[in-house]
């Protein structure tokens, strides 16, 4: 870049930094507009696409420092690690002309790593794990609710009590898988919002495949079978915590197969000319009905092998 180009890049970076700070402050001080935080990565994406990753890093760090001066250092770290990292990863993928799926995968990995790093930083600074604190507060809230029902003379079946409290233990065990799913959802929402906003600015961000075309790679079945073999072998060999690791990975496989199975169902509903609203209602029913959800998981699993959409159309 020549001198004029550098000056222009720095001026636009300063403008993007100001916009990012405004969005972060709105999300912090106006809870009703907290969803505005999804717009935070957009200025960074624009800067990275136009001027490169270096200027995007400048903007992210400057935004975090300013937010830290206005609020608290921990919120500055949250802004940089959560939204800044997403903006940089999406912007880098757009700058390098990566396909939408590849950008989403990179962003999901970055989102997961940033969340883990943020949790580690908070734990080191405050001496407590924020997720554990959240789970404990939820459990205490449940205990208070049960106590309230008892005082009101409402009888809660013992099986329901045990089921509710055991769900918290299951939640603790499945935290790694839940974090991965949150990272994927986080990257998807940020990518979608960024694409809508950038289109208004005249910048192109490739669309993700329509939901009816979602399909996991065929070799995912190999990974699933390997997981089953590993789980069985670990049980025979008495490997410690192998059931926890296998359970988390199995949950992720189930979510992927469930999404693919519902995608297959949605594809054929659209092919039959079913009303879109009615099709969405059917999908919601599948999600909240355990037998139907299991059928969807099996459909998604088999679709990785047989590709029903290509075979029957």
C-alpha atoms as a PDB file:
ATOM      1  CA  UNK A   1       0.000   0.000   0.000  1.00  0.00           C
ATOM      2  CA  UNK A   2       1.153   3.583  -0.707  1.00  0.00           C
ATOM      3  CA  UNK A   3       0.881   6.405   1.814  1.00  0.00           C
ATOM      4  CA  UNK A   4      -2.585   7.568   0.661  1.00  0.00           C
ATOM      5  CA  UNK A   5      -3.912   4.030   0.772  1.00  0.00           C
ATOM      6  CA  UNK A   6      -2.535   3.541   4.290  1.00  0.00           C
ATOM      7  CA  UNK A   7      -4.161   6.759   5.473  1.00  0.00           C
ATOM      8  CA  UNK A   8      -7.483   5.701   3.933  1.00  0.00           C
ATOM      9  CA  UNK A   9      -7.227   2.234   5.489  1.00  0.00           C
ATOM     10  CA  UNK A  10      -6.448   3.675   8.933  1.00  0.00           C
ATOM     11  CA  UNK A  11      -9.305   6.188   8.659  1.00  0.00           C
ATOM     12  CA  UNK A  12     -11.804   3.466   7.760  1.00  0.00           C
ATOM     13  CA  UNK A  13     -10.388   1.236  10.489  1.00  0.00           C
ATOM     14  CA  UNK A  14     -10.989   4.031  13.011  1.00  0.00           C
ATOM     15  CA  UNK A  15     -14.565   4.382  11.757  1.00  0.00           C
ATOM     16  CA  UNK A  16     -15.131   0.618  12.023  1.00  0.00           C
ATOM     17  CA  UNK A  17     -13.679   0.695  15.550  1.00  0.00           C
ATOM     18  CA  UNK A  18     -16.101   3.451  16.553  1.00  0.00           C
ATOM     19  CA  UNK A  19     -19.058   1.486  15.172  1.00  0.00           C
ATOM     20  CA  UNK A  20     -17.923  -1.657  16.997  1.00  0.00           C
ATOM     21  CA  UNK A  21     -17.621   0.232  20.281  1.00  0.00           C
ATOM     22  CA  UNK A  22     -21.112   1.724  19.886  1.00  0.00           C
ATOM     23  CA  UNK A  23     -22.617  -1.710  19.182  1.00  0.00           C
ATOM     24  CA  UNK A  24     -20.804  -3.240  22.177  1.00  0.00           C
ATOM     25  CA  UNK A  25     -21.975  -0.470  24.517  1.00  0.00           C
ATOM     26  CA  UNK A  26     -25.567  -0.818  23.288  1.00  0.00           C
ATOM     27  CA  UNK A  27     -25.413  -4.562  23.981  1.00  0.00           C
ATOM     28  CA  UNK A  28     -24.005  -3.918  27.461  1.00  0.00           C
ATOM     29  CA  UNK A  29     -26.190  -1.053  28.715  1.00  0.00           C
ATOM     30  CA  UNK A  30     -29.457  -1.707  26.853  1.00  0.00           C
ATOM     31  CA  UNK A  31     -30.364  -5.361  27.632  1.00  0.00           C
ATOM     32  CA  UNK A  32     -33.435  -5.195  25.397  1.00  0.00           C
ATOM     33  CA  UNK A  33     -31.098  -4.621  22.434  1.00  0.00           C
ATOM     34  CA  UNK A  34     -28.572  -7.296  23.423  1.00  0.00           C
ATOM     35  CA  UNK A  35     -29.104  -9.062  20.080  1.00  0.00           C
ATOM     36  CA  UNK A  36     -27.438  -6.048  18.463  1.00  0.00           C
ATOM     37  CA  UNK A  37     -24.180  -7.737  19.519  1.00  0.00           C
ATOM     38  CA  UNK A  38     -24.611 -10.002  16.496  1.00  0.00           C
ATOM     39  CA  UNK A  39     -23.739  -6.930  14.410  1.00  0.00           C
ATOM     40  CA  UNK A  40     -20.414  -6.469  16.213  1.00  0.00           C
ATOM     41  CA  UNK A  41     -18.282  -8.556  13.805  1.00  0.00           C
ATOM     42  CA  UNK A  42     -19.646  -6.761  10.715  1.00  0.00           C
ATOM     43  CA  UNK A  43     -17.341  -3.677  10.794  1.00  0.00           C
ATOM     44  CA  UNK A  44     -14.338  -5.967  11.361  1.00  0.00           C
ATOM     45  CA  UNK A  45     -15.381  -8.173   8.428  1.00  0.00           C
ATOM     46  CA  UNK A  46     -15.612  -5.132   6.155  1.00  0.00           C
ATOM     47  CA  UNK A  47     -12.138  -3.934   7.201  1.00  0.00           C
ATOM     48  CA  UNK A  48     -10.531  -7.366   6.738  1.00  0.00           C
ATOM     49  CA  UNK A  49     -12.163  -7.826   3.334  1.00  0.00           C
ATOM     50  CA  UNK A  50     -11.052  -4.419   2.064  1.00  0.00           C
ATOM     51  CA  UNK A  51      -7.649  -3.949   3.710  1.00  0.00           C
ATOM     52  CA  UNK A  52      -6.509  -7.311   5.063  1.00  0.00           C
ATOM     53  CA  UNK A  53      -6.278  -9.143   8.367  1.00  0.00           C
ATOM     54  CA  UNK A  54      -3.768  -6.715   9.928  1.00  0.00           C
ATOM     55  CA  UNK A  55      -6.212  -3.804   9.972  1.00  0.00           C
ATOM     56  CA  UNK A  56      -8.962  -6.060  11.295  1.00  0.00           C
ATOM     57  CA  UNK A  57      -6.731  -7.013  14.242  1.00  0.00           C
ATOM     58  CA  UNK A  58      -6.027  -3.309  14.875  1.00  0.00           C
ATOM     59  CA  UNK A  59      -9.748  -2.556  14.927  1.00  0.00           C
ATOM     60  CA  UNK A  60     -10.566  -5.495  17.214  1.00  0.00           C
ATOM     61  CA  UNK A  61      -7.896  -4.665  19.792  1.00  0.00           C
ATOM     62  CA  UNK A  62      -8.715  -0.942  19.772  1.00  0.00           C
ATOM     63  CA  UNK A  63     -12.437  -1.676  20.192  1.00  0.00           C
ATOM     64  CA  UNK A  64     -11.758  -3.996  23.119  1.00  0.00           C
ATOM     65  CA  UNK A  65      -9.519  -1.463  24.868  1.00  0.00           C
ATOM     66  CA  UNK A  66     -12.074   1.331  24.515  1.00  0.00           C
ATOM     67  CA  UNK A  67     -14.915  -0.900  25.718  1.00  0.00           C
ATOM     68  CA  UNK A  68     -12.735  -1.917  28.665  1.00  0.00           C
ATOM     69  CA  UNK A  69     -12.269   1.731  29.643  1.00  0.00           C
ATOM     70  CA  UNK A  70     -16.012   2.396  29.414  1.00  0.00           C
ATOM     71  CA  UNK A  71     -17.120  -0.754  31.248  1.00  0.00           C
ATOM     72  CA  UNK A  72     -14.900  -3.468  32.758  1.00  0.00           C
ATOM     73  CA  UNK A  73     -11.749  -5.276  31.540  1.00  0.00           C
ATOM     74  CA  UNK A  74     -13.543  -8.626  31.631  1.00  0.00           C
ATOM     75  CA  UNK A  75     -16.182  -7.342  29.204  1.00  0.00           C
ATOM     76  CA  UNK A  76     -13.395  -6.072  26.934  1.00  0.00           C
ATOM     77  CA  UNK A  77     -11.899  -9.565  26.914  1.00  0.00           C
ATOM     78  CA  UNK A  78     -15.348 -10.972  26.151  1.00  0.00           C
ATOM     79  CA  UNK A  79     -15.791  -8.590  23.217  1.00  0.00           C
ATOM     80  CA  UNK A  80     -12.373  -9.362  21.740  1.00  0.00           C
ATOM     81  CA  UNK A  81     -12.473 -13.136  22.208  1.00  0.00           C
ATOM     82  CA  UNK A  82     -16.138 -13.703  21.373  1.00  0.00           C
ATOM     83  CA  UNK A  83     -17.108 -11.244  18.647  1.00  0.00           C
ATOM     84  CA  UNK A  84     -13.720  -9.964  17.507  1.00  0.00           C
ATOM     85  CA  UNK A  85     -12.445 -13.478  16.819  1.00  0.00           C
ATOM     86  CA  UNK A  86     -15.614 -14.280  14.830  1.00  0.00           C
ATOM     87  CA  UNK A  87     -15.297 -11.095  12.768  1.00  0.00           C
ATOM     88  CA  UNK A  88     -11.646 -11.808  11.998  1.00  0.00           C
ATOM     89  CA  UNK A  89     -12.292 -15.422  10.981  1.00  0.00           C
ATOM     90  CA  UNK A  90     -15.262 -14.583   8.733  1.00  0.00           C
ATOM     91  CA  UNK A  91     -13.424 -11.597   7.260  1.00  0.00           C
ATOM     92  CA  UNK A  92     -10.319 -13.688   6.583  1.00  0.00           C
ATOM     93  CA  UNK A  93     -12.380 -16.351   4.825  1.00  0.00           C
ATOM     94  CA  UNK A  94     -14.121 -13.729   2.682  1.00  0.00           C
ATOM     95  CA  UNK A  95     -10.788 -12.021   1.920  1.00  0.00           C
ATOM     96  CA  UNK A  96      -9.363 -15.375   0.745  1.00  0.00           C
ATOM     97  CA  UNK A  97     -12.543 -16.216  -1.243  1.00  0.00           C
ATOM     98  CA  UNK A  98     -13.215 -19.411   0.725  1.00  0.00           C
ATOM     99  CA  UNK A  99     -16.497 -21.244   0.177  1.00  0.00           C
ATOM    100  CA  UNK A 100     -19.308 -20.548   2.646  1.00  0.00           C
ATOM    101  CA  UNK A 101     -19.126 -23.991   4.262  1.00  0.00           C
ATOM    102  CA  UNK A 102     -15.390 -23.676   4.833  1.00  0.00           C
ATOM    103  CA  UNK A 103     -15.768 -20.215   6.364  1.00  0.00           C
ATOM    104  CA  UNK A 104     -18.500 -21.519   8.677  1.00  0.00           C
ATOM    105  CA  UNK A 105     -16.316 -24.451   9.771  1.00  0.00           C
ATOM    106  CA  UNK A 106     -13.315 -22.184  10.468  1.00  0.00           C
ATOM    107  CA  UNK A 107     -15.526 -19.719  12.348  1.00  0.00           C
ATOM    108  CA  UNK A 108     -17.051 -22.497  14.466  1.00  0.00           C
ATOM    109  CA  UNK A 109     -13.572 -23.721  15.488  1.00  0.00           C
ATOM    110  CA  UNK A 110     -12.480 -20.146  16.287  1.00  0.00           C
ATOM    111  CA  UNK A 111     -15.680 -19.569  18.275  1.00  0.00           C
ATOM    112  CA  UNK A 112     -15.111 -22.731  20.326  1.00  0.00           C
ATOM    113  CA  UNK A 113     -11.457 -21.887  21.032  1.00  0.00           C
ATOM    114  CA  UNK A 114     -12.317 -18.308  22.009  1.00  0.00           C
ATOM    115  CA  UNK A 115     -15.003 -19.528  24.432  1.00  0.00           C
ATOM    116  CA  UNK A 116     -12.609 -21.999  26.031  1.00  0.00           C
ATOM    117  CA  UNK A 117      -9.925 -19.323  26.326  1.00  0.00           C
ATOM    118  CA  UNK A 118     -12.406 -16.874  27.843  1.00  0.00           C
ATOM    119  CA  UNK A 119     -13.584 -19.466  30.396  1.00  0.00           C
ATOM    120  CA  UNK A 120      -9.974 -20.243  31.290  1.00  0.00           C
ATOM    121  CA  UNK A 121      -9.194 -16.541  31.746  1.00  0.00           C
ATOM    122  CA  UNK A 122     -12.262 -15.961  33.944  1.00  0.00           C
ATOM    123  CA  UNK A 123     -11.475 -19.060  36.015  1.00  0.00           C
ATOM    124  CA  UNK A 124      -7.873 -17.933  36.538  1.00  0.00           C
ATOM    125  CA  UNK A 125      -8.868 -14.370  37.430  1.00  0.00           C
ATOM    126  CA  UNK A 126     -11.857 -15.115  39.675  1.00  0.00           C
ATOM    127  CA  UNK A 127     -11.001 -18.599  40.891  1.00  0.00           C
ATOM    128  CA  UNK A 128     -14.365 -20.037  39.808  1.00  0.00           C
ATOM    129  CA  UNK A 129     -15.593 -21.726  36.660  1.00  0.00           C
ATOM    130  CA  UNK A 130     -18.422 -19.557  35.219  1.00  0.00           C
ATOM    131  CA  UNK A 131     -20.237 -22.584  33.804  1.00  0.00           C
ATOM    132  CA  UNK A 132     -20.154 -24.365  37.157  1.00  0.00           C
ATOM    133  CA  UNK A 133     -21.505 -21.236  38.855  1.00  0.00           C
ATOM    134  CA  UNK A 134     -24.317 -21.061  36.303  1.00  0.00           C
ATOM    135  CA  UNK A 135     -25.205 -24.728  36.743  1.00  0.00           C
ATOM    136  CA  UNK A 136     -25.168 -24.437  40.531  1.00  0.00           C
ATOM    137  CA  UNK A 137     -27.462 -21.399  40.435  1.00  0.00           C
ATOM    138  CA  UNK A 138     -29.870 -23.269  38.147  1.00  0.00           C
ATOM    139  CA  UNK A 139     -29.827 -26.252  40.508  1.00  0.00           C
ATOM    140  CA  UNK A 140     -30.512 -24.029  43.533  1.00  0.00           C
ATOM    141  CA  UNK A 141     -33.361 -22.423  41.610  1.00  0.00           C
ATOM    142  CA  UNK A 142     -34.830 -25.870  40.993  1.00  0.00           C
ATOM    143  CA  UNK A 143     -34.492 -26.721  44.707  1.00  0.00           C
ATOM    144  CA  UNK A 144     -36.291 -23.487  45.629  1.00  0.00           C
ATOM    145  CA  UNK A 145     -39.068 -24.322  43.153  1.00  0.00           C
ATOM    146  CA  UNK A 146     -39.499 -27.803  44.614  1.00  0.00           C
ATOM    147  CA  UNK A 147     -39.616 -26.277  48.115  1.00  0.00           C
ATOM    148  CA  UNK A 148     -42.246 -23.769  46.977  1.00  0.00           C
ATOM    149  CA  UNK A 149     -44.417 -26.563  45.546  1.00  0.00           C
ATOM    150  CA  UNK A 150     -44.112 -28.489  48.835  1.00  0.00           C
ATOM    151  CA  UNK A 151     -45.192 -25.439  50.866  1.00  0.00           C
ATOM    152  CA  UNK A 152     -48.148 -24.917  48.538  1.00  0.00           C
ATOM    153  CA  UNK A 153     -49.205 -28.524  49.114  1.00  0.00           C
ATOM    154  CA  UNK A 154     -48.586 -29.520  45.504  1.00  0.00           C
ATOM    155  CA  UNK A 155     -47.319 -33.069  45.203  1.00  0.00           C
ATOM    156  CA  UNK A 156     -44.452 -33.484  42.732  1.00  0.00           C
ATOM    157  CA  UNK A 157     -43.855 -37.176  41.892  1.00  0.00           C
ATOM    158  CA  UNK A 158     -40.530 -38.501  43.187  1.00  0.00           C
ATOM    159  CA  UNK A 159     -39.635 -39.824  39.743  1.00  0.00           C
ATOM    160  CA  UNK A 160     -39.987 -36.332  38.286  1.00  0.00           C
ATOM    161  CA  UNK A 161     -37.822 -34.852  41.054  1.00  0.00           C
ATOM    162  CA  UNK A 162     -35.088 -37.413  40.457  1.00  0.00           C
ATOM    163  CA  UNK A 163     -35.303 -36.899  36.704  1.00  0.00           C
ATOM    164  CA  UNK A 164     -34.949 -33.128  36.997  1.00  0.00           C
ATOM    165  CA  UNK A 165     -31.953 -33.295  39.354  1.00  0.00           C
ATOM    166  CA  UNK A 166     -30.241 -36.048  37.370  1.00  0.00           C
ATOM    167  CA  UNK A 167     -30.582 -33.890  34.241  1.00  0.00           C
ATOM    168  CA  UNK A 168     -28.148 -31.408  35.824  1.00  0.00           C
ATOM    169  CA  UNK A 169     -25.585 -34.165  36.277  1.00  0.00           C
ATOM    170  CA  UNK A 170     -26.066 -35.173  32.645  1.00  0.00           C
ATOM    171  CA  UNK A 171     -25.684 -31.531  31.645  1.00  0.00           C
ATOM    172  CA  UNK A 172     -22.313 -31.363  33.414  1.00  0.00           C
ATOM    173  CA  UNK A 173     -21.113 -34.495  31.637  1.00  0.00           C
ATOM    174  CA  UNK A 174     -22.277 -33.262  28.232  1.00  0.00           C
ATOM    175  CA  UNK A 175     -20.843 -29.728  28.542  1.00  0.00           C
ATOM    176  CA  UNK A 176     -18.111 -30.277  25.887  1.00  0.00           C
ATOM    177  CA  UNK A 177     -20.670 -31.334  23.269  1.00  0.00           C
ATOM    178  CA  UNK A 178     -22.971 -28.459  24.240  1.00  0.00           C
ATOM    179  CA  UNK A 179     -20.101 -25.981  23.848  1.00  0.00           C
ATOM    180  CA  UNK A 180     -19.390 -27.315  20.354  1.00  0.00           C
ATOM    181  CA  UNK A 181     -23.052 -26.957  19.379  1.00  0.00           C
ATOM    182  CA  UNK A 182     -23.182 -23.407  20.780  1.00  0.00           C
ATOM    183  CA  UNK A 183     -20.034 -22.524  18.787  1.00  0.00           C
ATOM    184  CA  UNK A 184     -21.584 -23.831  15.561  1.00  0.00           C
ATOM    185  CA  UNK A 185     -24.853 -21.972  16.209  1.00  0.00           C
ATOM    186  CA  UNK A 186     -22.907 -18.826  17.112  1.00  0.00           C
ATOM    187  CA  UNK A 187     -20.910 -18.914  13.883  1.00  0.00           C
ATOM    188  CA  UNK A 188     -24.029 -19.625  11.811  1.00  0.00           C
ATOM    189  CA  UNK A 189     -25.983 -16.691  13.302  1.00  0.00           C
ATOM    190  CA  UNK A 190     -23.065 -14.278  12.932  1.00  0.00           C
ATOM    191  CA  UNK A 191     -22.409 -15.379   9.350  1.00  0.00           C
ATOM    192  CA  UNK A 192     -26.092 -15.018   8.428  1.00  0.00           C
ATOM    193  CA  UNK A 193     -26.406 -11.557   9.994  1.00  0.00           C
ATOM    194  CA  UNK A 194     -23.116 -10.430   8.440  1.00  0.00           C
ATOM    195  CA  UNK A 195     -24.275 -11.603   5.014  1.00  0.00           C
ATOM    196  CA  UNK A 196     -27.530  -9.609   5.273  1.00  0.00           C
ATOM    197  CA  UNK A 197     -25.757  -6.424   6.402  1.00  0.00           C
ATOM    198  CA  UNK A 198     -22.882  -6.718   3.914  1.00  0.00           C
ATOM    199  CA  UNK A 199     -25.340  -7.151   1.057  1.00  0.00           C
ATOM    200  CA  UNK A 200     -26.777  -3.748   2.010  1.00  0.00           C
ATOM    201  CA  UNK A 201     -23.254  -2.326   1.790  1.00  0.00           C
ATOM    202  CA  UNK A 202     -22.690  -3.767  -1.654  1.00  0.00           C
ATOM    203  CA  UNK A 203     -20.304  -6.502  -0.468  1.00  0.00           C
ATOM    204  CA  UNK A 204     -20.949 -10.121  -1.403  1.00  0.00           C
ATOM    205  CA  UNK A 205     -20.855 -12.942   1.129  1.00  0.00           C
ATOM    206  CA  UNK A 206     -21.632 -16.361  -0.328  1.00  0.00           C
ATOM    207  CA  UNK A 207     -24.898 -17.897   0.826  1.00  0.00           C
ATOM    208  CA  UNK A 208     -24.915 -21.141   2.763  1.00  0.00           C
ATOM    209  CA  UNK A 209     -26.673 -24.089   1.066  1.00  0.00           C
ATOM    210  CA  UNK A 210     -30.479 -24.103   1.520  1.00  0.00           C
ATOM    211  CA  UNK A 211     -31.686 -26.194   4.453  1.00  0.00           C
ATOM    212  CA  UNK A 212     -33.248 -28.736   2.088  1.00  0.00           C
ATOM    213  CA  UNK A 213     -29.757 -29.475   0.676  1.00  0.00           C
ATOM    214  CA  UNK A 214     -27.895 -29.881   3.966  1.00  0.00           C
ATOM    215  CA  UNK A 215     -25.906 -33.110   3.937  1.00  0.00           C
ATOM    216  CA  UNK A 216     -22.960 -34.281   6.020  1.00  0.00           C
ATOM    217  CA  UNK A 217     -19.945 -35.901   4.292  1.00  0.00           C
ATOM    218  CA  UNK A 218     -20.368 -39.579   3.517  1.00  0.00           C
ATOM    219  CA  UNK A 219     -17.277 -40.541   5.530  1.00  0.00           C
ATOM    220  CA  UNK A 220     -19.039 -39.339   8.688  1.00  0.00           C
ATOM    221  CA  UNK A 221     -20.466 -42.854   8.942  1.00  0.00           C
ATOM    222  CA  UNK A 222     -16.919 -44.216   9.249  1.00  0.00           C
ATOM    223  CA  UNK A 223     -16.310 -41.880  12.187  1.00  0.00           C
ATOM    224  CA  UNK A 224     -19.572 -42.994  13.788  1.00  0.00           C
ATOM    225  CA  UNK A 225     -18.645 -46.681  13.476  1.00  0.00           C
ATOM    226  CA  UNK A 226     -15.156 -45.991  14.838  1.00  0.00           C
ATOM    227  CA  UNK A 227     -16.721 -44.250  17.832  1.00  0.00           C
ATOM    228  CA  UNK A 228     -18.919 -47.249  18.531  1.00  0.00           C
ATOM    229  CA  UNK A 229     -15.903 -49.581  18.286  1.00  0.00           C
ATOM    230  CA  UNK A 230     -13.860 -47.287  20.563  1.00  0.00           C
ATOM    231  CA  UNK A 231     -16.642 -47.164  23.139  1.00  0.00           C
ATOM    232  CA  UNK A 232     -16.996 -50.958  23.204  1.00  0.00           C
ATOM    233  CA  UNK A 233     -13.221 -51.485  23.355  1.00  0.00           C
ATOM    234  CA  UNK A 234     -12.885 -48.888  26.116  1.00  0.00           C
ATOM    235  CA  UNK A 235     -15.538 -50.682  28.159  1.00  0.00           C
ATOM    236  CA  UNK A 236     -13.694 -54.002  27.886  1.00  0.00           C
ATOM    237  CA  UNK A 237     -10.291 -52.447  28.642  1.00  0.00           C
ATOM    238  CA  UNK A 238     -11.603 -50.368  31.531  1.00  0.00           C
ATOM    239  CA  UNK A 239     -10.306 -47.068  30.148  1.00  0.00           C
ATOM    240  CA  UNK A 240     -11.154 -44.182  32.481  1.00  0.00           C
ATOM    241  CA  UNK A 241     -13.729 -41.611  31.311  1.00  0.00           C
ATOM    242  CA  UNK A 242     -14.027 -43.267  27.887  1.00  0.00           C
ATOM    243  CA  UNK A 243     -17.806 -43.342  28.364  1.00  0.00           C
ATOM    244  CA  UNK A 244     -17.858 -39.564  28.962  1.00  0.00           C
ATOM    245  CA  UNK A 245     -15.792 -38.852  25.834  1.00  0.00           C
ATOM    246  CA  UNK A 246     -17.816 -41.285  23.726  1.00  0.00           C
ATOM    247  CA  UNK A 247     -21.078 -39.883  25.099  1.00  0.00           C
ATOM    248  CA  UNK A 248     -20.152 -36.327  24.106  1.00  0.00           C
ATOM    249  CA  UNK A 249     -19.068 -37.345  20.601  1.00  0.00           C
ATOM    250  CA  UNK A 250     -22.165 -39.527  20.211  1.00  0.00           C
ATOM    251  CA  UNK A 251     -24.376 -36.560  21.136  1.00  0.00           C
ATOM    252  CA  UNK A 252     -22.709 -34.479  18.407  1.00  0.00           C
ATOM    253  CA  UNK A 253     -23.270 -37.271  15.874  1.00  0.00           C
ATOM    254  CA  UNK A 254     -26.915 -37.467  16.901  1.00  0.00           C
ATOM    255  CA  UNK A 255     -27.383 -33.717  16.394  1.00  0.00           C
ATOM    256  CA  UNK A 256     -25.762 -33.889  12.937  1.00  0.00           C
ATOM    257  CA  UNK A 257     -27.865 -36.896  11.895  1.00  0.00           C
ATOM    258  CA  UNK A 258     -31.017 -35.292  13.315  1.00  0.00           C
ATOM    259  CA  UNK A 259     -30.416 -32.119  11.282  1.00  0.00           C
ATOM    260  CA  UNK A 260     -29.730 -34.174   8.164  1.00  0.00           C
ATOM    261  CA  UNK A 261     -32.806 -36.358   8.679  1.00  0.00           C
ATOM    262  CA  UNK A 262     -35.029 -33.292   9.088  1.00  0.00           C
ATOM    263  CA  UNK A 263     -33.389 -31.780   5.997  1.00  0.00           C
ATOM    264  CA  UNK A 264     -34.301 -34.908   4.016  1.00  0.00           C
ATOM    265  CA  UNK A 265     -37.908 -34.701   5.253  1.00  0.00           C
ATOM    266  CA  UNK A 266     -38.093 -30.985   4.415  1.00  0.00           C
ATOM    267  CA  UNK A 267     -36.679 -31.643   0.926  1.00  0.00           C
ATOM    268  CA  UNK A 268     -39.364 -34.202   0.069  1.00  0.00           C
ATOM    269  CA  UNK A 269     -42.128 -32.065   1.588  1.00  0.00           C
ATOM    270  CA  UNK A 270     -41.061 -29.208  -0.692  1.00  0.00           C
ATOM    271  CA  UNK A 271     -40.908 -31.585  -3.674  1.00  0.00           C
ATOM    272  CA  UNK A 272     -44.505 -32.601  -2.987  1.00  0.00           C
ATOM    273  CA  UNK A 273     -45.583 -28.961  -2.985  1.00  0.00           C
ATOM    274  CA  UNK A 274     -46.459 -28.877   0.721  1.00  0.00           C
ATOM    275  CA  UNK A 275     -47.054 -25.393   2.105  1.00  0.00           C
ATOM    276  CA  UNK A 276     -43.831 -24.059   3.667  1.00  0.00           C
ATOM    277  CA  UNK A 277     -45.514 -23.035   6.942  1.00  0.00           C
ATOM    278  CA  UNK A 278     -47.126 -26.464   7.282  1.00  0.00           C
ATOM    279  CA  UNK A 279     -43.762 -28.127   6.568  1.00  0.00           C
ATOM    280  CA  UNK A 280     -42.097 -26.073   9.326  1.00  0.00           C
ATOM    281  CA  UNK A 281     -44.865 -27.058  11.768  1.00  0.00           C
ATOM    282  CA  UNK A 282     -44.226 -30.735  10.923  1.00  0.00           C
ATOM    283  CA  UNK A 283     -40.492 -30.254  11.542  1.00  0.00           C
ATOM    284  CA  UNK A 284     -41.218 -28.685  14.956  1.00  0.00           C
ATOM    285  CA  UNK A 285     -43.417 -31.684  15.779  1.00  0.00           C
ATOM    286  CA  UNK A 286     -40.541 -34.012  14.843  1.00  0.00           C
ATOM    287  CA  UNK A 287     -38.164 -32.114  17.121  1.00  0.00           C
ATOM    288  CA  UNK A 288     -40.494 -32.337  20.127  1.00  0.00           C
ATOM    289  CA  UNK A 289     -41.629 -35.934  19.602  1.00  0.00           C
ATOM    290  CA  UNK A 290     -39.039 -38.472  20.737  1.00  0.00           C
ATOM    291  CA  UNK A 291     -40.055 -41.400  18.453  1.00  0.00           C
ATOM    292  CA  UNK A 292     -40.208 -39.101  15.396  1.00  0.00           C
ATOM    293  CA  UNK A 293     -36.880 -37.515  16.342  1.00  0.00           C
ATOM    294  CA  UNK A 294     -35.334 -40.995  16.559  1.00  0.00           C
ATOM    295  CA  UNK A 295     -36.689 -41.806  13.080  1.00  0.00           C
ATOM    296  CA  UNK A 296     -35.150 -38.547  11.822  1.00  0.00           C
ATOM    297  CA  UNK A 297     -31.765 -39.483  13.354  1.00  0.00           C
ATOM    298  CA  UNK A 298     -31.877 -42.902  11.667  1.00  0.00           C
ATOM    299  CA  UNK A 299     -32.913 -41.281   8.382  1.00  0.00           C
ATOM    300  CA  UNK A 300     -29.992 -38.876   8.556  1.00  0.00           C
ATOM    301  CA  UNK A 301     -27.590 -41.699   9.401  1.00  0.00           C
ATOM    302  CA  UNK A 302     -28.762 -43.788   6.436  1.00  0.00           C
ATOM    303  CA  UNK A 303     -28.764 -40.752   4.144  1.00  0.00           C
ATOM    304  CA  UNK A 304     -24.993 -40.444   4.582  1.00  0.00           C
ATOM    305  CA  UNK A 305     -24.753 -43.864   2.919  1.00  0.00           C
ATOM    306  CA  UNK A 306     -27.538 -43.846   0.339  1.00  0.00           C
ATOM    307  CA  UNK A 307     -28.205 -40.141  -0.424  1.00  0.00           C
ATOM    308  CA  UNK A 308     -32.011 -40.455  -0.608  1.00  0.00           C
ATOM    309  CA  UNK A 309     -32.480 -37.079  -2.298  1.00  0.00           C
ATOM    310  CA  UNK A 310     -30.329 -38.019  -5.284  1.00  0.00           C
ATOM    311  CA  UNK A 311     -31.567 -41.609  -5.393  1.00  0.00           C
ATOM    312  CA  UNK A 312     -35.310 -40.822  -5.410  1.00  0.00           C
ATOM    313  CA  UNK A 313     -35.421 -37.652  -7.505  1.00  0.00           C
END
